């Protein structure tokens, strides 16, 4: 339950006591020592982290926490080994006391593509669905968001967030181990909702869009990034079994189909603001993520195709408004 009391206080003050009680109970359950085989090690490692006040924290242009000189009387190699206990580090990069956490994804590149198209985040309440370890959430905070709530059921991501926040000490950005199905129905509270890299993992993409809409206040902004394919209205790829070795990919729409889905779900002013083919420089294996990555998911003889023969990953960013 490390660090969540400020979130619970915010929800109580907003009149969401019932939601807070359910959320608190679920967090306690998910972070119990019996929930995951590595949870005792993760908790022990968090407790072993040095207490260091960073000499600087930069969140707007990058995520930089402290400098090497801040680690007085801390063995650097031992500290690096502590951080690596939370492998795999997928979203980033982070600079932690001049240690470069070179994550699988250059999530900063995605952020650079998204940022120019957003309504200003200053003073806004933001929900980051499937936000992983909270990298983009830190960047949202750097843009002046008043509150960022990241939700992702993958437990190692929550533990990575707790490691990073051990040094940042924020009471405005939280990552909790839940899925969007655990959010209150018709919440209508967030000014901006992000869903990046989630839609194609949902068996019902329209249900996901309606869940996102229900979290937004009237007129709030949805920011959605998803895999897309080339094609016209109505075109959608449903893989036979796997896509880029992933079993849980269900529907990959064309741009026109994605815009139609958004309109049919009641969103207004839906538009596609960016299309980008994922490069081998943006998603790759590193010493901080040693499992297979994009190069292993593509046809070695034709990088324009996945290993299964489908079009290689191409991603679109969509912006839309909740109805007023």
Protein backbone atom coordinates (compact mmCIF):
# COMPACT_ATOMS: atom_id res chain seq x y z
CA UNK A 1 0.00 0.00 0.00
CA UNK A 2 3.10 2.15 -0.24
CA UNK A 3 2.28 5.73 -1.25
CA UNK A 4 -1.44 5.43 -2.04
CA UNK A 5 -2.94 7.34 0.88
CA UNK A 6 -2.87 10.68 -1.00
CA UNK A 7 -4.93 9.05 -3.79
CA UNK A 8 -7.44 7.70 -1.30
CA UNK A 9 -7.71 11.17 0.26
CA UNK A 10 -8.34 12.74 -3.16
CA UNK A 11 -11.12 10.26 -3.93
CA UNK A 12 -12.74 10.76 -0.51
CA UNK A 13 -12.65 14.54 -0.94
CA UNK A 14 -14.24 14.18 -4.38
CA UNK A 15 -17.12 12.19 -2.90
CA UNK A 16 -15.98 8.80 -4.23
CA UNK A 17 -15.73 7.01 -0.90
CA UNK A 18 -17.37 3.82 -2.18
CA UNK A 19 -14.98 3.68 -5.14
CA UNK A 20 -12.05 4.40 -2.85
CA UNK A 21 -13.02 1.52 -0.57
CA UNK A 22 -13.24 -0.91 -3.50
CA UNK A 23 -9.98 0.38 -4.97
CA UNK A 24 -8.17 0.17 -1.66
CA UNK A 25 -9.34 -3.40 -1.14
CA UNK A 26 -8.27 -4.45 -4.63
CA UNK A 27 -4.83 -2.84 -4.32
CA UNK A 28 -4.30 -4.62 -1.01
CA UNK A 29 -5.28 -7.92 -2.62
CA UNK A 30 -3.15 -7.43 -5.74
CA UNK A 31 -0.05 -6.39 -3.81
CA UNK A 32 -0.30 -9.12 -1.19
CA UNK A 33 2.78 -11.29 -0.82
CA UNK A 34 0.91 -14.33 -2.15
CA UNK A 35 -0.41 -12.72 -5.35
CA UNK A 36 2.75 -13.22 -7.42
CA UNK A 37 5.77 -15.45 -6.90
CA UNK A 38 8.16 -12.48 -7.13
CA UNK A 39 6.13 -10.19 -4.88
CA UNK A 40 8.12 -10.97 -1.69
CA UNK A 41 11.38 -10.16 -3.55
CA UNK A 42 9.92 -6.96 -5.04
CA UNK A 43 8.67 -5.77 -1.67
CA UNK A 44 11.97 -6.63 -0.01
CA UNK A 45 13.83 -4.74 -2.73
CA UNK A 46 11.67 -1.65 -2.35
CA UNK A 47 12.38 -1.70 1.37
CA UNK A 48 16.11 -1.97 0.63
CA UNK A 49 16.24 1.11 -1.62
CA UNK A 50 18.42 3.91 -0.29
CA UNK A 51 16.74 7.04 1.02
CA UNK A 52 18.08 9.70 -1.32
CA UNK A 53 16.76 13.18 -2.07
CA UNK A 54 17.42 13.82 -5.79
CA UNK A 55 19.25 17.05 -6.54
CA UNK A 56 16.94 17.54 -9.53
CA UNK A 57 13.79 16.07 -11.01
CA UNK A 58 12.92 16.74 -14.66
CA UNK A 59 9.61 15.49 -16.04
CA UNK A 60 8.68 17.86 -18.86
CA UNK A 61 11.30 17.10 -21.52
CA UNK A 62 12.43 13.70 -20.21
CA UNK A 63 12.27 11.70 -16.99
CA UNK A 64 15.48 12.47 -15.14
CA UNK A 65 15.80 11.83 -11.42
CA UNK A 66 18.92 13.02 -9.61
CA UNK A 67 22.59 12.79 -10.48
CA UNK A 68 25.28 10.23 -9.73
CA UNK A 69 26.74 12.49 -7.04
CA UNK A 70 23.49 12.14 -5.06
CA UNK A 71 24.26 8.49 -4.30
CA UNK A 72 26.58 9.19 -1.40
CA UNK A 73 27.71 5.98 0.34
CA UNK A 74 25.65 3.87 -2.11
CA UNK A 75 27.42 1.20 -4.13
CA UNK A 76 26.41 1.90 -7.72
CA UNK A 77 26.63 -1.66 -8.99
CA UNK A 78 24.58 -2.99 -6.09
CA UNK A 79 21.99 -0.28 -6.76
CA UNK A 80 21.79 -1.26 -10.44
CA UNK A 81 21.23 -4.88 -9.47
CA UNK A 82 18.35 -3.82 -7.22
CA UNK A 83 16.70 -2.00 -10.14
CA UNK A 84 17.18 -4.98 -12.45
CA UNK A 85 15.17 -7.16 -10.09
CA UNK A 86 12.11 -5.50 -11.64
CA UNK A 87 12.91 -6.80 -15.15
CA UNK A 88 11.47 -6.45 -17.77
CA UNK A 89 11.56 -2.66 -18.09
CA UNK A 90 9.37 -2.04 -21.12
CA UNK A 91 8.39 1.67 -21.03
CA UNK A 92 10.81 4.56 -20.64
CA UNK A 93 13.61 5.59 -20.85
CA UNK A 94 14.49 6.80 -17.37
CA UNK A 95 17.62 8.46 -16.10
CA UNK A 96 17.95 7.50 -12.43
CA UNK A 97 20.99 9.09 -10.78
CA UNK A 98 22.70 9.04 -14.21
CA UNK A 99 21.89 5.34 -14.64
CA UNK A 100 20.31 5.03 -18.09
CA UNK A 101 17.34 2.64 -17.97
CA UNK A 102 17.27 1.86 -21.68
CA UNK A 103 13.82 0.31 -21.84
CA UNK A 104 12.40 -1.86 -24.63
CA UNK A 105 10.23 0.96 -25.93
CA UNK A 106 11.37 4.48 -26.72
CA UNK A 107 8.15 5.72 -25.15
CA UNK A 108 9.49 9.26 -25.37
CA UNK A 109 9.19 9.02 -29.16
CA UNK A 110 5.52 8.14 -28.88
CA UNK A 111 5.01 11.02 -26.46
CA UNK A 112 6.66 13.41 -28.91
CA UNK A 113 4.15 12.30 -31.56
CA UNK A 114 1.17 12.66 -29.20
CA UNK A 115 1.99 15.89 -27.37
CA UNK A 116 1.48 18.44 -30.18
CA UNK A 117 -2.13 17.32 -30.63
CA UNK A 118 -3.31 17.37 -27.01
CA UNK A 119 -5.41 19.95 -25.30
CA UNK A 120 -3.13 21.51 -22.68
CA UNK A 121 -2.90 19.22 -19.66
CA UNK A 122 -2.39 21.97 -17.13
CA UNK A 123 -4.76 21.55 -14.18
CA UNK A 124 -6.48 18.50 -15.67
CA UNK A 125 -7.36 15.15 -14.13
CA UNK A 126 -5.95 12.42 -16.37
CA UNK A 127 -6.59 8.68 -16.60
CA UNK A 128 -3.88 6.63 -18.32
CA UNK A 129 -5.36 3.23 -19.24
CA UNK A 130 -2.79 0.48 -19.73
CA UNK A 131 -0.09 2.95 -18.79
CA UNK A 132 2.50 0.34 -17.79
CA UNK A 133 5.00 1.57 -15.24
CA UNK A 134 3.78 5.17 -15.53
CA UNK A 135 6.36 6.64 -17.90
CA UNK A 136 3.82 8.64 -19.89
CA UNK A 137 2.12 9.59 -16.63
CA UNK A 138 5.30 11.30 -15.47
CA UNK A 139 5.42 13.22 -18.76
CA UNK A 140 1.76 14.21 -18.26
CA UNK A 141 2.67 15.50 -14.82
CA UNK A 142 5.52 17.41 -16.43
CA UNK A 143 2.92 19.13 -18.64
CA UNK A 144 1.10 20.37 -15.54
CA UNK A 145 -1.61 17.76 -14.99
CA UNK A 146 -3.20 18.11 -11.56
CA UNK A 147 -3.74 14.37 -11.11
CA UNK A 148 -2.63 11.36 -13.17
CA UNK A 149 -4.07 7.93 -12.42
CA UNK A 150 -2.44 5.11 -14.34
CA UNK A 151 -4.13 1.73 -14.38
CA UNK A 152 -2.49 -1.51 -15.54
CA UNK A 153 -3.11 -5.03 -14.17
CA UNK A 154 0.48 -6.19 -14.77
CA UNK A 155 1.99 -6.27 -11.29
CA UNK A 156 5.64 -5.73 -12.22
CA UNK A 157 4.67 -2.39 -13.77
CA UNK A 158 3.11 -1.22 -10.52
CA UNK A 159 6.27 -2.23 -8.67
CA UNK A 160 8.44 -0.34 -11.17
CA UNK A 161 6.27 2.73 -10.60
CA UNK A 162 6.74 2.36 -6.85
CA UNK A 163 10.51 2.20 -7.32
CA UNK A 164 10.54 5.39 -9.38
CA UNK A 165 8.16 7.19 -7.04
CA UNK A 166 10.31 6.17 -4.07
CA UNK A 167 12.70 8.84 -5.31
CA UNK A 168 10.24 11.34 -6.87
CA UNK A 169 7.77 11.24 -3.97
CA UNK A 170 4.79 12.48 -5.99
CA UNK A 171 1.31 12.75 -4.47
CA UNK A 172 -0.21 13.59 -7.88
CA UNK A 173 0.70 10.55 -10.00
CA UNK A 174 -0.31 6.99 -9.15
CA UNK A 175 -0.18 3.62 -10.90
CA UNK A 176 -2.56 0.99 -9.53
CA UNK A 177 -2.85 -2.69 -10.55
CA UNK A 178 -6.36 -2.74 -11.98
CA UNK A 179 -7.95 -2.89 -15.42
CA UNK A 180 -10.52 -0.49 -16.82
CA UNK A 181 -13.23 -3.05 -16.04
CA UNK A 182 -12.63 -2.20 -12.37
CA UNK A 183 -13.40 1.49 -12.86
CA UNK A 184 -16.84 2.75 -11.72
CA UNK A 185 -19.51 2.75 -14.42
CA UNK A 186 -20.35 6.22 -15.76
CA UNK A 187 -17.67 7.84 -13.63
CA UNK A 188 -17.54 10.99 -15.77
CA UNK A 189 -14.70 12.55 -13.79
CA UNK A 190 -11.55 12.77 -15.91
CA UNK A 191 -10.75 15.68 -18.21
CA UNK A 192 -8.46 13.54 -20.41
CA UNK A 193 -8.32 9.78 -20.86
CA UNK A 194 -5.41 8.06 -22.60
CA UNK A 195 -5.60 4.54 -24.03
CA UNK A 196 -2.36 3.77 -25.83
CA UNK A 197 -1.59 0.25 -26.99
CA UNK A 198 -4.69 -1.32 -25.45
CA UNK A 199 -7.55 -1.44 -27.97
CA UNK A 200 -6.24 -4.33 -30.06
CA UNK A 201 -5.94 -6.46 -26.92
CA UNK A 202 -9.67 -6.18 -26.22
CA UNK A 203 -12.08 -8.80 -27.55
CA UNK A 204 -14.69 -6.08 -27.95
CA UNK A 205 -13.11 -2.81 -29.13
CA UNK A 206 -16.45 -0.99 -29.02
CA UNK A 207 -16.98 -2.00 -25.40
CA UNK A 208 -13.52 -0.60 -24.64
CA UNK A 209 -14.39 2.70 -26.31
CA UNK A 210 -17.59 2.93 -24.28
CA UNK A 211 -15.64 2.21 -21.08
CA UNK A 212 -13.24 5.02 -21.94
CA UNK A 213 -16.10 7.37 -22.69
CA UNK A 214 -17.75 6.59 -19.36
CA UNK A 215 -14.62 7.74 -17.50
CA UNK A 216 -14.61 11.13 -19.24
CA UNK A 217 -16.52 14.13 -18.06
CA UNK A 218 -18.79 15.73 -20.72
CA UNK A 219 -16.61 17.36 -23.35
CA UNK A 220 -13.47 15.61 -22.08
CA UNK A 221 -10.75 14.46 -24.45
CA UNK A 222 -9.90 10.91 -25.48
CA UNK A 223 -6.37 10.18 -26.70
CA UNK A 224 -6.15 6.73 -28.27
CA UNK A 225 -3.22 4.99 -29.93
CA UNK A 226 -3.63 1.61 -31.56
CA UNK A 227 -2.34 -0.71 -34.24
CA UNK A 228 -3.90 0.04 -37.61
CA UNK A 229 -3.85 -1.40 -41.11
CA UNK A 230 -4.10 0.20 -44.52
CA UNK A 231 -7.55 0.14 -46.07
CA UNK A 232 -10.83 1.94 -46.39
CA UNK A 233 -14.04 2.11 -44.36
CA UNK A 234 -14.99 -1.19 -42.77
CA UNK A 235 -11.57 -2.78 -43.20
CA UNK A 236 -10.35 -4.66 -40.12
CA UNK A 237 -7.73 -7.36 -39.59
CA UNK A 238 -8.57 -10.16 -37.18
CA UNK A 239 -5.53 -12.47 -36.91
CA UNK A 240 -6.16 -16.19 -37.20
CA UNK A 241 -4.14 -17.00 -34.08
CA UNK A 242 -1.20 -14.70 -33.35
CA UNK A 243 -0.08 -11.30 -34.55
CA UNK A 244 3.64 -10.53 -34.11
CA UNK A 245 3.72 -13.56 -31.79
CA UNK A 246 1.01 -12.04 -29.57
CA UNK A 247 -1.96 -14.28 -28.83
CA UNK A 248 -4.15 -11.49 -27.48
CA UNK A 249 -4.59 -9.36 -30.60
CA UNK A 250 -8.20 -9.31 -31.75
CA UNK A 251 -9.06 -6.43 -34.08
CA UNK A 252 -6.76 -4.09 -36.00
CA UNK A 253 -8.81 -1.44 -37.85
CA UNK A 254 -8.05 0.86 -40.74
CA UNK A 255 -8.02 4.58 -39.97
CA UNK A 256 -11.49 5.01 -41.47
CA UNK A 257 -12.84 2.06 -39.48
CA UNK A 258 -11.36 3.43 -36.24
CA UNK A 259 -12.97 6.80 -36.87
CA UNK A 260 -16.29 5.05 -37.55
CA UNK A 261 -16.02 3.12 -34.28
CA UNK A 262 -15.40 6.35 -32.39
CA UNK A 263 -18.41 8.04 -33.98
CA UNK A 264 -20.67 5.05 -33.39
CA UNK A 265 -19.67 5.14 -29.72
CA UNK A 266 -20.79 8.73 -29.46
CA UNK A 267 -17.49 10.56 -29.65
CA UNK A 268 -17.37 13.93 -31.42
CA UNK A 269 -14.73 15.55 -33.61
CA UNK A 270 -12.85 12.27 -34.05
CA UNK A 271 -9.68 12.62 -36.07
CA UNK A 272 -6.47 10.72 -36.79
CA UNK A 273 -3.51 12.96 -36.02
CA UNK A 274 -0.56 10.64 -36.67
CA UNK A 275 0.34 7.41 -38.44
CA UNK A 276 3.72 5.81 -37.86
CA UNK A 277 5.33 2.47 -38.71
CA UNK A 278 7.07 1.05 -35.64
CA UNK A 279 10.81 0.89 -36.25
CA UNK A 280 13.43 -1.49 -34.90
CA UNK A 281 14.96 1.50 -33.11
CA UNK A 282 11.76 2.29 -31.25
CA UNK A 283 11.06 -1.22 -29.91
CA UNK A 284 14.03 -3.47 -29.24
CA UNK A 285 15.81 -5.76 -26.81
CA UNK A 286 18.11 -4.05 -24.30
CA UNK A 287 19.97 -5.04 -21.13
CA UNK A 288 16.89 -3.83 -19.22
CA UNK A 289 14.51 -5.99 -21.33
CA UNK A 290 16.23 -9.17 -22.44
CA UNK A 291 13.21 -11.04 -23.82
CA UNK A 292 12.23 -11.15 -27.49
CA UNK A 293 11.27 -7.84 -29.10
CA UNK A 294 10.20 -6.42 -32.45
CA UNK A 295 13.05 -7.86 -34.54
CA UNK A 296 11.96 -11.33 -33.42
CA UNK A 297 8.33 -10.64 -34.34
CA UNK A 298 9.00 -9.72 -37.98
CA UNK A 299 9.71 -11.90 -41.01
CA UNK A 300 13.54 -11.96 -41.22
CA UNK A 301 13.37 -11.92 -45.02
CA UNK A 302 10.71 -9.20 -45.31
CA UNK A 303 10.54 -6.67 -42.49
CA UNK A 304 7.32 -5.27 -43.93
CA UNK A 305 5.54 -8.37 -42.58
CA UNK A 306 5.15 -10.03 -39.21
CA UNK A 307 6.48 -13.54 -38.69
CA UNK A 308 2.93 -14.76 -39.46
CA UNK A 309 2.78 -12.84 -42.75
CA UNK A 310 0.54 -9.95 -41.65
CA UNK A 311 1.46 -6.28 -42.28
CA UNK A 312 4.15 -5.13 -39.84
CA UNK A 313 3.03 -2.97 -36.91
CA UNK A 314 1.76 0.45 -37.88
CA UNK A 315 0.20 2.72 -35.27
CA UNK A 316 -2.29 5.52 -35.43
CA UNK A 317 -3.06 8.23 -32.86
CA UNK A 318 -6.66 9.37 -32.59
CA UNK A 319 -8.20 12.29 -30.70
CA UNK A 320 -11.91 12.61 -29.97
CA UNK A 321 -14.21 14.44 -27.59
CA UNK A 322 -16.80 13.00 -25.23
CA UNK A 323 -20.29 14.33 -25.93
CA UNK A 324 -21.36 17.30 -23.80
